[in-house]
């Protein structure tokens, strides 16, 4: 029995320590590595094999165009949660760095893709915002004339009468005078004829 215990003790002493005893490592994440998500999560969670030390743990989140999309991490045992601040759709990289019990740093990253952006559309139509749409100003057409139909204009009272209308009015007056003279001549002639008969 002592021989068996000695052999077992010797084997355990000569066997190298397991990686879990010396190095910390990532065991899972939310979202998981390589995931495609349509709705942006409120925070990113990383789960480690051992409890990471806040003083030696660094976590960063970068999005499209290297935009920082993370905040200060919150430690809860072996879990670390980081607020997520998404912007445009695209690839997001969660990088982490922490120290192991043997002093060696452990580095890694989790990648996931956000398929729907959260930025609001900056261009809104005035009618949708409640404002009145601007009316288009009348401009010249291809032929050089105005595109709007001009309103009918009345002839000013002091404007000269056209020549054709003036000529027609003059002829009317001449016919009237000629008719009056003819009637007057007939009256005078009848009067003279009656006087001659009475004699």
N, C-alpha and C. Protein backbone atom coordinates (compact mmCIF):
# COMPACT_ATOMS: atom_id res chain seq x y z
N UNK A 1 0.82 -1.22 0.00
CA UNK A 1 0.00 0.00 0.00
C UNK A 1 0.85 1.27 0.00
N UNK A 2 1.90 1.35 0.82
CA UNK A 2 2.75 2.55 0.76
C UNK A 2 3.40 2.72 -0.58
N UNK A 3 3.71 1.60 -1.26
CA UNK A 3 4.34 1.70 -2.58
C UNK A 3 3.38 2.32 -3.58
N UNK A 4 2.11 1.89 -3.51
CA UNK A 4 1.10 2.43 -4.44
C UNK A 4 0.89 3.91 -4.21
N UNK A 5 0.82 4.32 -2.95
CA UNK A 5 0.66 5.74 -2.65
C UNK A 5 1.87 6.54 -3.10
N UNK A 6 3.04 5.98 -2.98
CA UNK A 6 4.23 6.69 -3.43
C UNK A 6 4.27 6.87 -4.92
N UNK A 7 3.88 5.83 -5.63
CA UNK A 7 3.83 5.94 -7.09
C UNK A 7 2.81 6.97 -7.52
N UNK A 8 1.62 6.95 -6.90
CA UNK A 8 0.57 7.91 -7.26
C UNK A 8 1.01 9.33 -6.96
N UNK A 9 1.69 9.52 -5.83
CA UNK A 9 2.18 10.86 -5.48
C UNK A 9 3.24 11.32 -6.47
N UNK A 10 4.09 10.41 -6.88
CA UNK A 10 5.13 10.77 -7.83
C UNK A 10 4.56 11.14 -9.18
N UNK A 11 3.55 10.39 -9.63
CA UNK A 11 2.92 10.69 -10.93
C UNK A 11 2.24 12.04 -10.88
N UNK A 12 1.53 12.33 -9.77
CA UNK A 12 0.84 13.62 -9.67
C UNK A 12 1.83 14.77 -9.59
N UNK A 13 2.98 14.52 -9.01
CA UNK A 13 3.98 15.58 -8.89
C UNK A 13 4.67 15.85 -10.22
N UNK A 14 4.92 14.75 -10.97
CA UNK A 14 5.60 14.92 -12.26
C UNK A 14 4.66 15.41 -13.37
N UNK A 15 3.36 15.19 -13.23
CA UNK A 15 2.42 15.60 -14.28
C UNK A 15 2.35 17.12 -14.34
N UNK A 16 2.33 17.71 -15.55
CA UNK A 16 2.27 19.18 -15.67
C UNK A 16 0.90 19.70 -15.25
N UNK A 17 0.81 20.90 -14.73
CA UNK A 17 -0.48 21.47 -14.33
C UNK A 17 -1.39 21.64 -15.54
N UNK A 18 -2.67 21.51 -15.32
CA UNK A 18 -3.67 21.66 -16.38
C UNK A 18 -3.77 23.12 -16.79
N UNK A 19 -4.17 23.41 -18.02
CA UNK A 19 -4.30 24.81 -18.45
C UNK A 19 -5.28 25.60 -17.62
N UNK A 20 -6.33 24.93 -17.08
CA UNK A 20 -7.33 25.66 -16.30
C UNK A 20 -6.73 26.21 -15.03
N UNK A 21 -5.71 25.49 -14.48
CA UNK A 21 -5.11 25.96 -13.24
C UNK A 21 -4.18 27.14 -13.48
N UNK A 22 -3.69 27.29 -14.70
CA UNK A 22 -2.70 28.33 -14.96
C UNK A 22 -3.26 29.48 -15.79
N UNK A 23 -4.10 29.19 -16.75
CA UNK A 23 -4.60 30.20 -17.67
C UNK A 23 -6.11 30.32 -17.58
N UNK A 24 -6.56 31.58 -17.60
CA UNK A 24 -8.00 31.84 -17.72
C UNK A 24 -8.37 31.81 -19.20
N UNK A 25 -9.62 31.55 -19.51
CA UNK A 25 -10.03 31.48 -20.91
C UNK A 25 -11.52 31.81 -21.01
N UNK A 26 -11.91 32.17 -22.21
CA UNK A 26 -13.31 32.49 -22.49
C UNK A 26 -14.10 31.21 -22.70
N UNK A 27 -15.25 31.09 -22.03
CA UNK A 27 -16.10 29.90 -22.17
C UNK A 27 -17.38 30.17 -22.96
N UNK A 28 -17.75 31.43 -23.16
CA UNK A 28 -18.97 31.73 -23.91
C UNK A 28 -19.22 33.22 -23.97
N UNK A 29 -20.13 33.62 -24.80
CA UNK A 29 -20.46 35.05 -24.94
C UNK A 29 -21.89 35.19 -25.44
N UNK A 30 -22.41 36.38 -25.25
CA UNK A 30 -23.75 36.73 -25.75
C UNK A 30 -23.69 38.15 -26.31
N UNK A 31 -23.81 38.30 -27.65
CA UNK A 31 -23.99 37.29 -28.70
C UNK A 31 -22.75 36.39 -28.82
N UNK A 32 -22.99 35.21 -29.35
CA UNK A 32 -21.90 34.26 -29.54
C UNK A 32 -21.01 34.69 -30.71
N UNK A 33 -19.84 34.14 -30.75
CA UNK A 33 -18.89 34.47 -31.80
C UNK A 33 -19.42 34.02 -33.16
N UNK A 34 -19.42 34.95 -34.15
CA UNK A 34 -19.90 34.66 -35.50
C UNK A 34 -21.39 34.81 -35.68
N UNK A 35 -22.12 35.29 -34.66
CA UNK A 35 -23.58 35.41 -34.76
C UNK A 35 -23.96 36.58 -35.65
N UNK A 36 -25.18 36.49 -36.21
CA UNK A 36 -25.79 37.58 -36.97
C UNK A 36 -27.09 37.95 -36.26
N UNK A 37 -27.19 39.17 -35.77
CA UNK A 37 -28.34 39.60 -34.98
C UNK A 37 -29.01 40.78 -35.68
N UNK A 38 -30.35 40.76 -35.66
CA UNK A 38 -31.11 41.85 -36.27
C UNK A 38 -31.45 42.93 -35.26
N UNK A 39 -31.61 42.55 -34.00
CA UNK A 39 -31.91 43.51 -32.94
C UNK A 39 -30.69 43.68 -32.05
N UNK A 40 -30.25 44.91 -31.88
CA UNK A 40 -29.04 45.18 -31.10
C UNK A 40 -29.30 44.88 -29.62
N UNK A 41 -28.43 44.11 -28.97
CA UNK A 41 -28.59 43.85 -27.53
C UNK A 41 -28.24 45.08 -26.71
N UNK A 42 -28.77 45.14 -25.51
CA UNK A 42 -28.48 46.28 -24.64
C UNK A 42 -27.06 46.21 -24.09
N UNK A 43 -26.49 45.00 -23.97
CA UNK A 43 -25.14 44.83 -23.45
C UNK A 43 -24.52 43.56 -24.04
N UNK A 44 -23.20 43.50 -23.98
CA UNK A 44 -22.44 42.33 -24.41
C UNK A 44 -21.94 41.61 -23.16
N UNK A 45 -22.12 40.29 -23.13
CA UNK A 45 -21.68 39.51 -21.96
C UNK A 45 -20.59 38.53 -22.38
N UNK A 46 -19.51 38.51 -21.59
CA UNK A 46 -18.42 37.55 -21.77
C UNK A 46 -18.35 36.67 -20.52
N UNK A 47 -18.21 35.36 -20.74
CA UNK A 47 -18.12 34.39 -19.63
C UNK A 47 -16.74 33.72 -19.66
N UNK A 48 -16.06 33.73 -18.52
CA UNK A 48 -14.70 33.21 -18.43
C UNK A 48 -14.66 31.99 -17.51
N UNK A 49 -13.57 31.25 -17.65
CA UNK A 49 -13.38 30.05 -16.83
C UNK A 49 -13.15 30.42 -15.37
N UNK A 50 -12.41 31.47 -15.12
CA UNK A 50 -12.14 31.94 -13.77
C UNK A 50 -12.56 33.40 -13.65
N UNK A 51 -12.66 33.85 -12.42
CA UNK A 51 -13.07 35.23 -12.16
C UNK A 51 -11.96 36.18 -12.59
N UNK A 52 -12.24 37.08 -13.54
CA UNK A 52 -11.20 38.02 -13.97
C UNK A 52 -11.06 39.16 -12.96
N UNK A 53 -9.85 39.69 -12.87
CA UNK A 53 -9.59 40.81 -11.97
C UNK A 53 -9.93 42.11 -12.69
N UNK A 54 -10.80 42.95 -12.10
CA UNK A 54 -11.15 44.22 -12.76
C UNK A 54 -9.95 45.11 -13.06
N UNK A 55 -8.94 45.07 -12.21
CA UNK A 55 -7.79 45.96 -12.39
C UNK A 55 -6.95 45.58 -13.62
N UNK A 56 -6.96 44.31 -13.99
CA UNK A 56 -6.12 43.87 -15.11
C UNK A 56 -6.94 43.39 -16.31
N UNK A 57 -8.22 43.70 -16.33
CA UNK A 57 -9.09 43.26 -17.43
C UNK A 57 -9.47 44.46 -18.28
N UNK A 58 -9.31 44.32 -19.58
CA UNK A 58 -9.65 45.38 -20.52
C UNK A 58 -10.53 44.81 -21.62
N UNK A 59 -11.68 45.44 -21.84
CA UNK A 59 -12.62 44.99 -22.87
C UNK A 59 -13.01 46.19 -23.73
N UNK A 60 -12.93 46.04 -25.04
CA UNK A 60 -13.29 47.10 -25.99
C UNK A 60 -14.27 46.55 -27.02
N UNK A 61 -15.13 47.43 -27.51
CA UNK A 61 -16.08 47.07 -28.57
C UNK A 61 -15.95 48.12 -29.66
N UNK A 62 -15.64 47.69 -30.86
CA UNK A 62 -15.53 48.59 -32.01
C UNK A 62 -16.47 48.12 -33.11
N UNK A 63 -17.07 49.09 -33.79
CA UNK A 63 -17.99 48.78 -34.87
C UNK A 63 -17.44 49.21 -36.21
N UNK A 64 -18.32 49.36 -37.21
CA UNK A 64 -17.88 49.80 -38.53
C UNK A 64 -17.15 51.14 -38.46
N UNK A 65 -16.12 51.30 -39.28
CA UNK A 65 -15.29 52.51 -39.32
C UNK A 65 -14.60 52.76 -37.98
N UNK A 66 -14.34 51.67 -37.21
CA UNK A 66 -13.63 51.75 -35.93
C UNK A 66 -14.33 52.65 -34.91
N UNK A 67 -15.64 52.68 -34.97
CA UNK A 67 -16.42 53.46 -34.01
C UNK A 67 -16.52 52.70 -32.70
N UNK A 68 -16.19 53.37 -31.57
CA UNK A 68 -16.28 52.73 -30.26
C UNK A 68 -17.74 52.57 -29.87
N UNK A 69 -18.14 51.34 -29.54
CA UNK A 69 -19.55 51.06 -29.27
C UNK A 69 -19.75 50.43 -27.89
N UNK A 70 -18.80 50.65 -26.97
CA UNK A 70 -18.90 50.06 -25.64
C UNK A 70 -18.78 51.08 -24.54
N UNK A 71 -19.00 50.62 -23.30
CA UNK A 71 -18.90 51.48 -22.13
C UNK A 71 -18.08 50.80 -21.06
N UNK A 72 -18.10 51.31 -19.82
CA UNK A 72 -17.34 50.69 -18.72
C UNK A 72 -17.88 49.29 -18.41
N UNK A 73 -17.00 48.29 -18.24
CA UNK A 73 -17.46 46.92 -17.97
C UNK A 73 -17.96 46.77 -16.53
N UNK A 74 -18.89 45.83 -16.35
CA UNK A 74 -19.44 45.50 -15.04
C UNK A 74 -19.09 44.04 -14.75
N UNK A 75 -18.44 43.78 -13.62
CA UNK A 75 -17.96 42.44 -13.27
C UNK A 75 -18.95 41.76 -12.33
N UNK A 76 -19.26 40.51 -12.63
CA UNK A 76 -20.17 39.71 -11.81
C UNK A 76 -19.61 38.28 -11.75
N UNK A 77 -18.70 38.03 -10.83
CA UNK A 77 -18.07 36.72 -10.75
C UNK A 77 -17.20 36.48 -11.97
N UNK A 78 -17.49 35.39 -12.69
CA UNK A 78 -16.73 35.07 -13.90
C UNK A 78 -17.36 35.69 -15.15
N UNK A 79 -18.39 36.51 -14.97
CA UNK A 79 -19.06 37.17 -16.10
C UNK A 79 -18.70 38.66 -16.13
N UNK A 80 -18.54 39.17 -17.33
CA UNK A 80 -18.28 40.59 -17.53
C UNK A 80 -19.29 41.11 -18.55
N UNK A 81 -20.00 42.17 -18.18
CA UNK A 81 -21.00 42.76 -19.07
C UNK A 81 -20.58 44.18 -19.44
N UNK A 82 -20.71 44.49 -20.72
CA UNK A 82 -20.32 45.80 -21.25
C UNK A 82 -21.51 46.42 -21.95
N UNK A 83 -21.91 47.66 -21.62
CA UNK A 83 -23.02 48.32 -22.34
C UNK A 83 -22.70 48.43 -23.83
N UNK A 84 -23.72 48.17 -24.64
CA UNK A 84 -23.54 48.19 -26.10
C UNK A 84 -24.22 49.41 -26.67
N UNK A 85 -23.48 50.19 -27.46
CA UNK A 85 -24.00 51.41 -28.08
C UNK A 85 -23.88 51.28 -29.60
N UNK A 86 -24.85 50.62 -30.24
CA UNK A 86 -24.73 50.38 -31.68
C UNK A 86 -25.03 51.64 -32.48
N UNK A 87 -24.57 51.65 -33.72
CA UNK A 87 -24.86 52.74 -34.65
C UNK A 87 -25.30 52.15 -35.98
N UNK A 88 -24.36 52.00 -36.90
CA UNK A 88 -24.71 51.46 -38.21
C UNK A 88 -24.64 49.94 -38.20
N UNK A 89 -25.29 49.35 -39.18
CA UNK A 89 -25.21 47.91 -39.33
C UNK A 89 -23.82 47.52 -39.83
N UNK A 90 -23.37 46.34 -39.43
CA UNK A 90 -22.05 45.89 -39.86
C UNK A 90 -21.40 44.99 -38.83
N UNK A 91 -20.09 44.79 -38.97
CA UNK A 91 -19.34 43.89 -38.11
C UNK A 91 -18.90 44.61 -36.84
N UNK A 92 -19.12 43.97 -35.69
CA UNK A 92 -18.68 44.49 -34.39
C UNK A 92 -17.69 43.49 -33.78
N UNK A 93 -16.61 44.03 -33.21
CA UNK A 93 -15.55 43.20 -32.64
C UNK A 93 -15.42 43.52 -31.15
N UNK A 94 -15.58 42.48 -30.32
CA UNK A 94 -15.42 42.62 -28.88
C UNK A 94 -14.04 42.05 -28.52
N UNK A 95 -13.13 42.91 -28.18
CA UNK A 95 -11.78 42.48 -27.81
C UNK A 95 -11.62 42.44 -26.30
N UNK A 96 -10.94 41.42 -25.79
CA UNK A 96 -10.72 41.31 -24.34
C UNK A 96 -9.26 40.95 -24.07
N UNK A 97 -8.78 41.43 -22.93
CA UNK A 97 -7.43 41.14 -22.47
C UNK A 97 -7.47 41.07 -20.94
N UNK A 98 -6.99 39.98 -20.38
CA UNK A 98 -6.96 39.80 -18.94
C UNK A 98 -5.73 39.00 -18.55
N UNK A 99 -5.36 39.07 -17.27
CA UNK A 99 -4.17 38.38 -16.77
C UNK A 99 -4.55 37.06 -16.14
N UNK A 100 -3.72 36.04 -16.38
CA UNK A 100 -3.94 34.72 -15.77
C UNK A 100 -3.22 34.65 -14.42
N UNK A 101 -3.46 33.56 -13.74
CA UNK A 101 -2.84 33.39 -12.43
C UNK A 101 -1.33 33.26 -12.53
N UNK A 102 -0.83 32.82 -13.70
CA UNK A 102 0.63 32.70 -13.84
C UNK A 102 1.26 33.99 -14.36
N UNK A 103 0.45 35.04 -14.51
CA UNK A 103 0.99 36.32 -14.94
C UNK A 103 0.97 36.56 -16.43
N UNK A 104 0.68 35.54 -17.25
CA UNK A 104 0.64 35.71 -18.69
C UNK A 104 -0.71 36.32 -19.13
N UNK A 105 -0.68 37.32 -20.01
CA UNK A 105 -1.95 37.90 -20.47
C UNK A 105 -2.67 36.97 -21.43
N UNK A 106 -3.99 37.02 -21.35
CA UNK A 106 -4.85 36.24 -22.24
C UNK A 106 -5.61 37.23 -23.11
N UNK A 107 -5.48 37.09 -24.41
CA UNK A 107 -6.14 37.98 -25.36
C UNK A 107 -7.05 37.18 -26.28
N UNK A 108 -8.09 37.85 -26.75
CA UNK A 108 -9.00 37.22 -27.71
C UNK A 108 -10.05 38.21 -28.16
N UNK A 109 -10.95 37.76 -29.02
CA UNK A 109 -12.02 38.62 -29.52
C UNK A 109 -13.23 37.80 -29.91
N UNK A 110 -14.37 38.44 -29.86
CA UNK A 110 -15.65 37.86 -30.29
C UNK A 110 -16.20 38.76 -31.38
N UNK A 111 -16.57 38.17 -32.50
CA UNK A 111 -17.10 38.92 -33.63
C UNK A 111 -18.56 38.55 -33.88
N UNK A 112 -19.36 39.57 -34.11
CA UNK A 112 -20.75 39.34 -34.52
C UNK A 112 -21.18 40.46 -35.46
N UNK A 113 -22.22 40.20 -36.23
CA UNK A 113 -22.68 41.15 -37.25
C UNK A 113 -24.07 41.64 -36.89
N UNK A 114 -24.23 42.96 -36.86
CA UNK A 114 -25.55 43.58 -36.67
C UNK A 114 -26.13 43.87 -38.05
N UNK A 115 -27.25 43.23 -38.35
CA UNK A 115 -27.81 43.34 -39.71
C UNK A 115 -28.72 44.55 -39.88
N UNK A 116 -29.14 45.19 -38.80
CA UNK A 116 -30.03 46.34 -38.89
C UNK A 116 -29.42 47.50 -38.12
N UNK A 117 -29.24 48.63 -38.79
CA UNK A 117 -28.69 49.81 -38.12
C UNK A 117 -29.74 50.50 -37.28
N UNK A 118 -29.27 51.30 -36.33
CA UNK A 118 -30.18 52.01 -35.44
C UNK A 118 -30.20 53.50 -35.69
N UNK A 119 -29.40 54.01 -36.66
CA UNK A 119 -29.38 55.45 -36.93
C UNK A 119 -30.67 55.85 -37.62
N UNK A 120 -31.27 56.91 -37.18
CA UNK A 120 -32.49 57.40 -37.78
C UNK A 120 -32.22 58.08 -39.09
N UNK A 121 -33.20 58.05 -39.96
CA UNK A 121 -33.08 58.69 -41.25
C UNK A 121 -33.10 60.19 -41.10
N UNK A 122 -31.99 60.92 -41.48
CA UNK A 122 -31.94 62.34 -41.27
C UNK A 122 -32.77 63.14 -42.21
N UNK A 123 -33.13 62.61 -43.33
CA UNK A 123 -33.88 63.35 -44.33
C UNK A 123 -35.34 63.05 -44.18
N UNK A 124 -36.13 64.03 -43.70
CA UNK A 124 -37.57 63.91 -43.54
C UNK A 124 -38.25 64.96 -44.39
N UNK A 125 -39.33 64.57 -45.05
CA UNK A 125 -40.04 65.49 -45.93
C UNK A 125 -40.77 66.54 -45.11
N UNK A 126 -40.89 67.81 -45.58
CA UNK A 126 -41.59 68.85 -44.84
C UNK A 126 -43.04 68.49 -44.58
N UNK A 127 -43.72 67.80 -45.51
CA UNK A 127 -45.11 67.44 -45.32
C UNK A 127 -45.26 66.46 -44.19
N UNK A 128 -44.29 65.49 -44.05
CA UNK A 128 -44.38 64.53 -42.97
C UNK A 128 -44.13 65.19 -41.64
N UNK A 129 -43.31 66.23 -41.57
CA UNK A 129 -43.02 66.91 -40.32
C UNK A 129 -44.07 67.94 -39.96
N UNK A 130 -45.11 68.11 -40.78
CA UNK A 130 -46.18 69.04 -40.47
C UNK A 130 -46.02 70.39 -41.12
N UNK A 131 -44.94 70.63 -41.84
CA UNK A 131 -44.73 71.91 -42.49
C UNK A 131 -45.33 71.90 -43.88
N UNK A 132 -45.65 73.11 -44.36
CA UNK A 132 -46.24 73.23 -45.68
C UNK A 132 -45.17 73.11 -46.73
N UNK A 133 -45.50 72.44 -47.82
CA UNK A 133 -44.54 72.28 -48.92
C UNK A 133 -44.39 73.58 -49.66
N UNK A 134 -43.19 73.98 -50.01
CA UNK A 134 -42.98 75.24 -50.71
C UNK A 134 -43.54 75.17 -52.12
N UNK A 135 -44.15 76.26 -52.53
CA UNK A 135 -44.71 76.32 -53.87
C UNK A 135 -43.61 76.67 -54.85
N UNK A 136 -43.66 76.06 -56.02
CA UNK A 136 -42.64 76.28 -57.03
C UNK A 136 -42.86 77.62 -57.70
N UNK A 137 -41.81 78.37 -57.84
CA UNK A 137 -41.90 79.67 -58.50
C UNK A 137 -41.98 79.46 -59.99
N UNK A 138 -42.73 80.36 -60.62
CA UNK A 138 -42.90 80.26 -62.07
C UNK A 138 -41.59 80.62 -62.74
N UNK A 139 -41.15 79.76 -63.61
CA UNK A 139 -39.88 79.99 -64.31
C UNK A 139 -40.08 79.89 -65.80
N UNK A 140 -39.11 80.29 -66.55
CA UNK A 140 -39.23 80.21 -68.01
C UNK A 140 -39.18 78.78 -68.49
N UNK A 141 -39.97 78.46 -69.50
CA UNK A 141 -39.98 77.14 -70.10
C UNK A 141 -38.89 77.03 -71.12
N UNK A 142 -38.85 75.87 -71.82
CA UNK A 142 -37.81 75.66 -72.82
C UNK A 142 -37.91 76.66 -73.96
N UNK A 143 -39.13 77.13 -74.24
CA UNK A 143 -39.29 78.07 -75.35
C UNK A 143 -38.99 79.50 -74.94
N UNK A 144 -38.69 79.71 -73.62
CA UNK A 144 -38.35 81.05 -73.18
C UNK A 144 -39.51 81.80 -72.60
N UNK A 145 -40.74 81.26 -72.65
CA UNK A 145 -41.91 81.92 -72.11
C UNK A 145 -42.18 81.43 -70.71
N UNK A 146 -42.97 82.15 -69.97
CA UNK A 146 -43.29 81.78 -68.59
C UNK A 146 -44.18 80.57 -68.59
N UNK A 147 -43.99 79.66 -67.57
CA UNK A 147 -44.77 78.44 -67.50
C UNK A 147 -46.15 78.68 -66.93
N UNK A 148 -46.39 79.87 -66.34
CA UNK A 148 -47.71 80.15 -65.79
C UNK A 148 -48.55 80.88 -66.82
N UNK A 149 -49.88 80.69 -66.76
CA UNK A 149 -50.79 81.33 -67.70
C UNK A 149 -51.10 82.72 -67.21
N UNK A 150 -50.81 83.77 -67.98
CA UNK A 150 -51.07 85.14 -67.50
C UNK A 150 -52.55 85.41 -67.43
N UNK A 151 -52.97 86.19 -66.43
CA UNK A 151 -54.38 86.55 -66.27
C UNK A 151 -54.76 87.57 -67.32
N UNK A 152 -56.06 87.56 -67.67
CA UNK A 152 -56.56 88.49 -68.68
C UNK A 152 -56.48 89.91 -68.14
N UNK A 153 -55.96 90.81 -68.93
CA UNK A 153 -55.79 92.20 -68.52
C UNK A 153 -56.82 93.07 -69.21
N UNK A 154 -57.43 93.96 -68.44
CA UNK A 154 -58.43 94.87 -69.01
C UNK A 154 -57.73 96.07 -69.60
N UNK A 155 -58.36 96.66 -70.64
CA UNK A 155 -57.79 97.84 -71.30
C UNK A 155 -58.00 99.05 -70.42
N UNK A 156 -56.96 99.78 -70.07
CA UNK A 156 -57.11 100.98 -69.23
C UNK A 156 -58.04 101.98 -69.88
N UNK A 157 -58.68 102.79 -69.00
CA UNK A 157 -59.67 103.75 -69.50
C UNK A 157 -59.02 104.79 -70.40
N UNK A 158 -57.80 105.16 -70.13
CA UNK A 158 -57.15 106.20 -70.90
C UNK A 158 -56.36 105.72 -72.09
N UNK A 159 -56.48 104.43 -72.44
CA UNK A 159 -55.69 103.91 -73.54
C UNK A 159 -56.31 104.31 -74.87
N UNK A 160 -55.51 104.51 -75.88
CA UNK A 160 -56.05 104.92 -77.18
C UNK A 160 -56.87 103.83 -77.83
N UNK A 161 -57.95 104.25 -78.60
CA UNK A 161 -58.83 103.32 -79.31
C UNK A 161 -58.12 102.84 -80.56
N UNK A 162 -58.17 101.57 -80.88
CA UNK A 162 -57.52 101.07 -82.10
C UNK A 162 -58.00 101.80 -83.34
N UNK A 163 -57.15 101.82 -84.38
CA UNK A 163 -57.47 102.57 -85.60
C UNK A 163 -58.70 102.01 -86.31
N UNK A 164 -58.89 100.69 -86.35
CA UNK A 164 -60.04 100.10 -87.03
C UNK A 164 -61.34 100.50 -86.35
N UNK A 165 -61.30 100.51 -84.98
CA UNK A 165 -62.52 100.89 -84.27
C UNK A 165 -62.83 102.37 -84.47
N UNK A 166 -61.76 103.21 -84.52
CA UNK A 166 -61.98 104.65 -84.74
C UNK A 166 -62.55 104.91 -86.13
N UNK A 167 -62.06 104.18 -87.13
CA UNK A 167 -62.58 104.35 -88.50
C UNK A 167 -64.04 103.95 -88.58
N UNK A 168 -64.40 102.84 -87.87
CA UNK A 168 -65.80 102.41 -87.91
C UNK A 168 -66.71 103.43 -87.26
N UNK A 169 -66.23 104.04 -86.15
CA UNK A 169 -67.04 105.06 -85.48
C UNK A 169 -67.20 106.29 -86.37
N UNK A 170 -66.16 106.69 -87.11
CA UNK A 170 -66.25 107.86 -88.00
C UNK A 170 -67.26 107.62 -89.12
N UNK A 171 -67.25 106.41 -89.69
CA UNK A 171 -68.22 106.10 -90.75
C UNK A 171 -69.65 106.15 -90.22
N UNK A 172 -69.84 105.72 -88.98
CA UNK A 172 -71.19 105.77 -88.41
C UNK A 172 -71.70 107.19 -88.29
N UNK A 173 -70.79 108.06 -87.83
CA UNK A 173 -71.18 109.47 -87.71
C UNK A 173 -71.47 110.08 -89.07
N UNK A 174 -70.72 109.75 -90.11
CA UNK A 174 -70.97 110.28 -91.44
C UNK A 174 -72.32 109.85 -91.98
N UNK A 175 -72.66 108.58 -91.82
CA UNK A 175 -73.97 108.09 -92.27
C UNK A 175 -75.09 108.78 -91.51
N UNK A 176 -74.88 109.02 -90.23
CA UNK A 176 -75.92 109.70 -89.45
C UNK A 176 -76.14 111.12 -89.95
N UNK A 177 -75.04 111.87 -90.21
CA UNK A 177 -75.16 113.25 -90.70
C UNK A 177 -75.79 113.28 -92.09
N UNK A 178 -75.39 112.31 -92.95
CA UNK A 178 -75.97 112.28 -94.30
C UNK A 178 -77.46 112.01 -94.26
N UNK A 179 -77.86 111.08 -93.37
CA UNK A 179 -79.30 110.78 -93.26
C UNK A 179 -80.06 111.98 -92.75
N UNK A 180 -79.45 112.71 -91.78
CA UNK A 180 -80.13 113.90 -91.24
C UNK A 180 -80.27 114.98 -92.32
N UNK A 181 -79.21 115.16 -93.11
CA UNK A 181 -79.30 116.16 -94.19
C UNK A 181 -80.35 115.77 -95.23
N UNK A 182 -80.43 114.48 -95.54
CA UNK A 182 -81.41 114.03 -96.52
C UNK A 182 -82.83 114.25 -96.02
N UNK A 183 -83.02 113.92 -94.75
CA UNK A 183 -84.37 114.13 -94.19
C UNK A 183 -84.70 115.62 -94.16
N UNK A 184 -83.70 116.43 -93.78
CA UNK A 184 -83.95 117.88 -93.74
C UNK A 184 -84.26 118.43 -95.13
N UNK A 185 -83.55 117.93 -96.15
CA UNK A 185 -83.82 118.41 -97.50
C UNK A 185 -85.21 118.01 -97.98
N UNK A 186 -85.63 116.80 -97.61
CA UNK A 186 -86.98 116.37 -98.00
C UNK A 186 -88.04 117.22 -97.32
N UNK A 187 -87.80 117.55 -96.05
CA UNK A 187 -88.78 118.38 -95.32
C UNK A 187 -88.87 119.76 -95.95
N UNK A 188 -87.73 120.35 -96.26
CA UNK A 188 -87.72 121.68 -96.86
C UNK A 188 -88.39 121.64 -98.23
N UNK A 189 -88.14 120.61 -99.00
CA UNK A 189 -88.72 120.51 -100.33
C UNK A 189 -90.24 120.34 -100.27
N UNK A 190 -90.72 119.54 -99.29
CA UNK A 190 -92.17 119.35 -99.14
C UNK A 190 -92.84 120.65 -98.73
N UNK A 191 -92.19 121.39 -97.85
CA UNK A 191 -92.77 122.65 -97.40
C UNK A 191 -92.91 123.63 -98.58
N UNK A 192 -91.91 123.72 -99.41
CA UNK A 192 -91.96 124.60 -100.57
C UNK A 192 -93.03 124.15 -101.57
N UNK A 193 -93.18 122.82 -101.69
CA UNK A 193 -94.19 122.31 -102.62
C UNK A 193 -95.59 122.63 -102.15
N UNK A 194 -95.82 122.53 -100.83
CA UNK A 194 -97.15 122.86 -100.29
C UNK A 194 -97.43 124.35 -100.43
N UNK A 195 -96.46 125.19 -100.23
CA UNK A 195 -96.64 126.62 -100.37
C UNK A 195 -96.99 126.98 -101.84
N UNK A 196 -96.32 126.35 -102.76
CA UNK A 196 -96.58 126.62 -104.18
C UNK A 196 -97.99 126.20 -104.55
N UNK A 197 -98.50 125.13 -103.99
CA UNK A 197 -99.87 124.66 -104.28
C UNK A 197 -100.90 125.64 -103.74
N UNK A 198 -100.64 126.26 -102.60
CA UNK A 198 -101.59 127.16 -101.99
C UNK A 198 -101.72 128.44 -102.79
N UNK A 199 -100.71 128.79 -103.50
CA UNK A 199 -100.81 130.00 -104.30
C UNK A 199 -101.67 129.72 -105.51
